[in-house]
Amino acid sequence: MLKNACMLMIALAATTAMTACHSPSGGFMSHTGGSHTYVSTERMQKTVTVIDTRSGEPVFSIDIPVGKQLTMDFDEGMGDDPVNTPDLLRYEIWDAGTRFGRLRNSITVPNAASRIIEVQVRQDVKYAAGSPRRMLRTDEVADRPSWWTPEGGPMPADSVVEMYDN
């Protein structure tokens, strides 16, 4: 009996902890109308804009950096104005591929019937920053010796070694 009560308490605590987090794929309680995730890559850099269809004005717009993702979720009835902005948009920018986390940013927005999400693909070329954990490469341009550049230069004399010398 005590073992079953402990298992029930653990399951209840895990369920409570999971509802405090967010998963872009819907997670524990996925549903239609759940969160939206937009990933910006080097070839498809995205700008996401939420537009109020009543006025045609943007109420939220964000350029997603390369290698990041925007996850956003709409909470109906949580806005600050029951007529103009009755819903709450919660969002977060994460590293691309992030599966769980907390949506810490928010803005009040029009309801679903009065808003549209516009996704634009930017055409400028940018590259994702390298991982700080990557190993140092010795073939980067700044690290090359003068004799290994297009301009050329003298090779060091001690670099020539006969094949069978010790």
Protein backbone atom coordinates (compact mmCIF):
# COMPACT_ATOMS: atom_id res chain seq x y z
CA MET A 1 0.00 0.00 0.00
CA LEU A 2 2.81 2.40 0.93
CA LYS A 3 4.66 1.53 -2.28
CA ASN A 4 1.57 2.38 -4.40
CA ALA A 5 1.13 5.69 -2.58
CA CYS A 6 4.79 6.58 -3.25
CA MET A 7 4.43 5.72 -6.94
CA LEU A 8 1.27 7.81 -7.16
CA MET A 9 3.03 10.79 -5.53
CA ILE A 10 5.99 10.48 -7.91
CA ALA A 11 3.68 10.32 -10.94
CA LEU A 12 1.74 13.37 -9.70
CA ALA A 13 4.96 15.35 -9.12
CA ALA A 14 6.27 14.42 -12.60
CA THR A 15 2.99 15.46 -14.23
CA THR A 16 3.02 18.77 -12.38
CA ALA A 17 6.64 19.43 -13.38
CA MET A 18 5.92 18.61 -17.02
CA THR A 19 3.05 21.07 -17.25
CA ALA A 20 5.40 23.89 -16.22
CA CYS A 21 7.58 23.22 -19.28
CA HIS A 22 6.83 23.48 -22.96
CA SER A 23 7.56 21.18 -25.89
CA PRO A 24 7.39 22.49 -29.49
CA SER A 25 6.03 19.14 -30.64
CA GLY A 26 3.13 19.25 -28.19
CA GLY A 27 4.80 17.13 -25.54
CA PHE A 28 2.74 15.51 -22.81
CA MET A 29 -0.61 17.05 -23.77
CA SER A 30 -0.41 17.83 -27.51
CA HIS A 31 -3.49 19.30 -29.20
CA THR A 32 -4.64 21.04 -32.36
CA GLY A 33 -4.00 24.75 -32.08
CA GLY A 34 -0.96 24.16 -29.88
CA SER A 35 2.41 25.81 -30.23
CA HIS A 36 4.15 26.80 -33.46
CA THR A 37 7.90 26.43 -34.06
CA TYR A 38 9.81 28.20 -36.82
CA VAL A 39 13.48 27.35 -37.43
CA SER A 40 15.83 29.76 -39.18
CA THR A 41 18.64 28.15 -41.15
CA GLU A 42 21.44 29.58 -43.28
CA ARG A 43 19.39 29.03 -46.43
CA MET A 44 15.95 29.85 -44.97
CA GLN A 45 16.26 32.79 -42.60
CA LYS A 46 12.84 33.67 -41.28
CA THR A 47 10.94 36.70 -40.02
CA VAL A 48 7.67 35.96 -38.21
CA THR A 49 5.02 38.68 -37.93
CA VAL A 50 1.63 38.58 -36.20
CA ILE A 51 -0.74 41.02 -37.94
CA ASP A 52 -4.03 42.44 -36.62
CA THR A 53 -6.39 41.80 -39.59
CA ARG A 54 -8.78 44.51 -38.44
CA SER A 55 -6.24 47.29 -38.95
CA GLY A 56 -3.56 45.56 -41.03
CA GLU A 57 -0.94 46.63 -38.47
CA PRO A 58 1.72 44.25 -37.14
CA VAL A 59 1.45 43.66 -33.39
CA PHE A 60 4.53 41.43 -33.14
CA SER A 61 7.49 40.88 -35.47
CA ILE A 62 10.80 39.11 -34.93
CA ASP A 63 13.79 38.16 -37.10
CA ILE A 64 14.88 34.69 -36.07
CA PRO A 65 18.69 34.48 -35.96
CA VAL A 66 20.41 31.78 -38.02
CA GLY A 67 20.66 28.50 -36.11
CA LYS A 68 17.82 29.45 -33.74
CA GLN A 69 14.14 28.64 -33.51
CA LEU A 70 11.12 30.66 -32.44
CA THR A 71 8.49 28.75 -30.49
CA MET A 72 5.22 30.53 -29.79
CA ASP A 73 1.94 29.59 -28.19
CA PHE A 74 -1.35 31.50 -27.90
CA ASP A 75 -3.33 31.45 -24.64
CA GLU A 76 -6.97 32.37 -25.28
CA GLY A 77 -8.56 34.82 -22.86
CA MET A 78 -5.31 35.69 -21.06
CA GLY A 79 -4.83 39.12 -22.69
CA ASP A 80 -5.22 42.53 -21.06
CA ASP A 81 -8.20 43.82 -23.12
CA PRO A 82 -11.26 41.60 -23.72
CA VAL A 83 -12.06 43.38 -27.03
CA ASN A 84 -8.81 44.46 -28.72
CA THR A 85 -6.19 42.06 -27.31
CA PRO A 86 -7.95 39.19 -25.51
CA ASP A 87 -5.21 36.57 -26.11
CA LEU A 88 -1.66 36.23 -24.85
CA LEU A 89 1.21 35.25 -27.14
CA ARG A 90 3.98 33.46 -25.21
CA TYR A 91 7.26 32.94 -27.08
CA GLU A 92 10.95 32.10 -26.77
CA ILE A 93 14.02 32.02 -29.03
CA TRP A 94 16.06 28.84 -28.53
CA ASP A 95 18.87 27.00 -30.28
CA ALA A 96 17.49 25.04 -33.23
CA GLY A 97 16.36 21.58 -32.19
CA THR A 98 15.45 22.49 -28.61
CA ARG A 99 12.65 20.16 -27.53
CA PHE A 100 11.65 21.39 -24.06
CA GLY A 101 11.71 24.67 -22.21
CA ARG A 102 9.79 27.52 -20.72
CA LEU A 103 8.21 30.28 -22.82
CA ARG A 104 9.36 33.33 -20.83
CA ASN A 105 8.33 36.22 -23.13
CA SER A 106 4.79 37.38 -23.79
CA ILE A 107 2.68 40.05 -25.48
CA THR A 108 -1.08 40.51 -25.70
CA VAL A 109 -2.54 40.00 -29.18
CA PRO A 110 -5.91 39.97 -30.98
CA ASN A 111 -7.99 36.79 -30.90
CA ALA A 112 -7.61 34.00 -33.49
CA ALA A 113 -10.29 35.46 -35.77
CA SER A 114 -8.52 38.83 -35.85
CA ARG A 115 -4.90 37.85 -36.38
CA ILE A 116 -2.78 36.23 -39.04
CA ILE A 117 0.76 34.85 -38.81
CA GLU A 118 2.99 35.84 -41.71
CA VAL A 119 6.31 34.05 -42.23
CA GLN A 120 8.83 35.68 -44.57
CA VAL A 121 12.03 34.07 -45.81
CA ARG A 122 14.87 36.59 -45.91
CA GLN A 123 17.25 36.45 -48.86
CA ASP A 124 20.42 37.86 -47.24
CA VAL A 125 23.25 35.42 -46.63
CA LYS A 126 24.38 34.81 -43.07
CA TYR A 127 26.05 31.85 -41.45
CA ALA A 128 25.49 30.35 -38.04
CA ALA A 129 28.27 30.99 -35.55
CA GLY A 130 30.49 28.02 -34.87
CA SER A 131 30.00 26.10 -31.69
CA PRO A 132 32.29 27.30 -28.87
CA ARG A 133 32.91 23.61 -28.12
CA ARG A 134 34.32 22.83 -31.56
CA MET A 135 37.93 21.83 -31.80
CA LEU A 136 40.41 24.44 -32.97
CA ARG A 137 41.13 23.98 -36.65
CA THR A 138 44.62 24.56 -37.96
CA ASP A 139 43.56 25.10 -41.56
CA GLU A 140 41.77 28.40 -41.01
CA VAL A 141 43.13 31.29 -43.08
CA ALA A 142 44.39 33.25 -40.08
CA ASP A 143 46.36 30.24 -38.82
CA ARG A 144 48.14 29.41 -42.09
CA PRO A 145 51.89 30.04 -42.40
CA SER A 146 53.01 32.50 -45.09
CA TRP A 147 54.23 29.72 -47.42
CA TRP A 148 50.73 28.22 -47.43
CA THR A 149 48.92 31.36 -48.65
CA PRO A 150 48.17 32.46 -52.23
CA GLU A 151 50.95 35.10 -51.94
CA GLY A 152 53.46 32.42 -50.99
CA GLY A 153 56.59 32.69 -48.87
CA PRO A 154 59.74 30.79 -47.93
CA MET A 155 59.28 27.35 -46.46
CA PRO A 156 61.11 26.59 -43.23
CA ALA A 157 64.36 24.69 -43.88
CA ASP A 158 63.85 22.22 -41.04
CA SER A 159 60.49 21.00 -42.39
CA VAL A 160 62.14 18.86 -45.08
CA VAL A 161 62.80 15.42 -43.61
CA GLU A 162 64.03 12.40 -45.50
CA MET A 163 61.66 9.48 -45.45
CA TYR A 164 63.78 7.10 -43.43
CA ASP A 165 65.62 9.59 -41.19
CA ASN A 166 65.18 9.25 -37.45
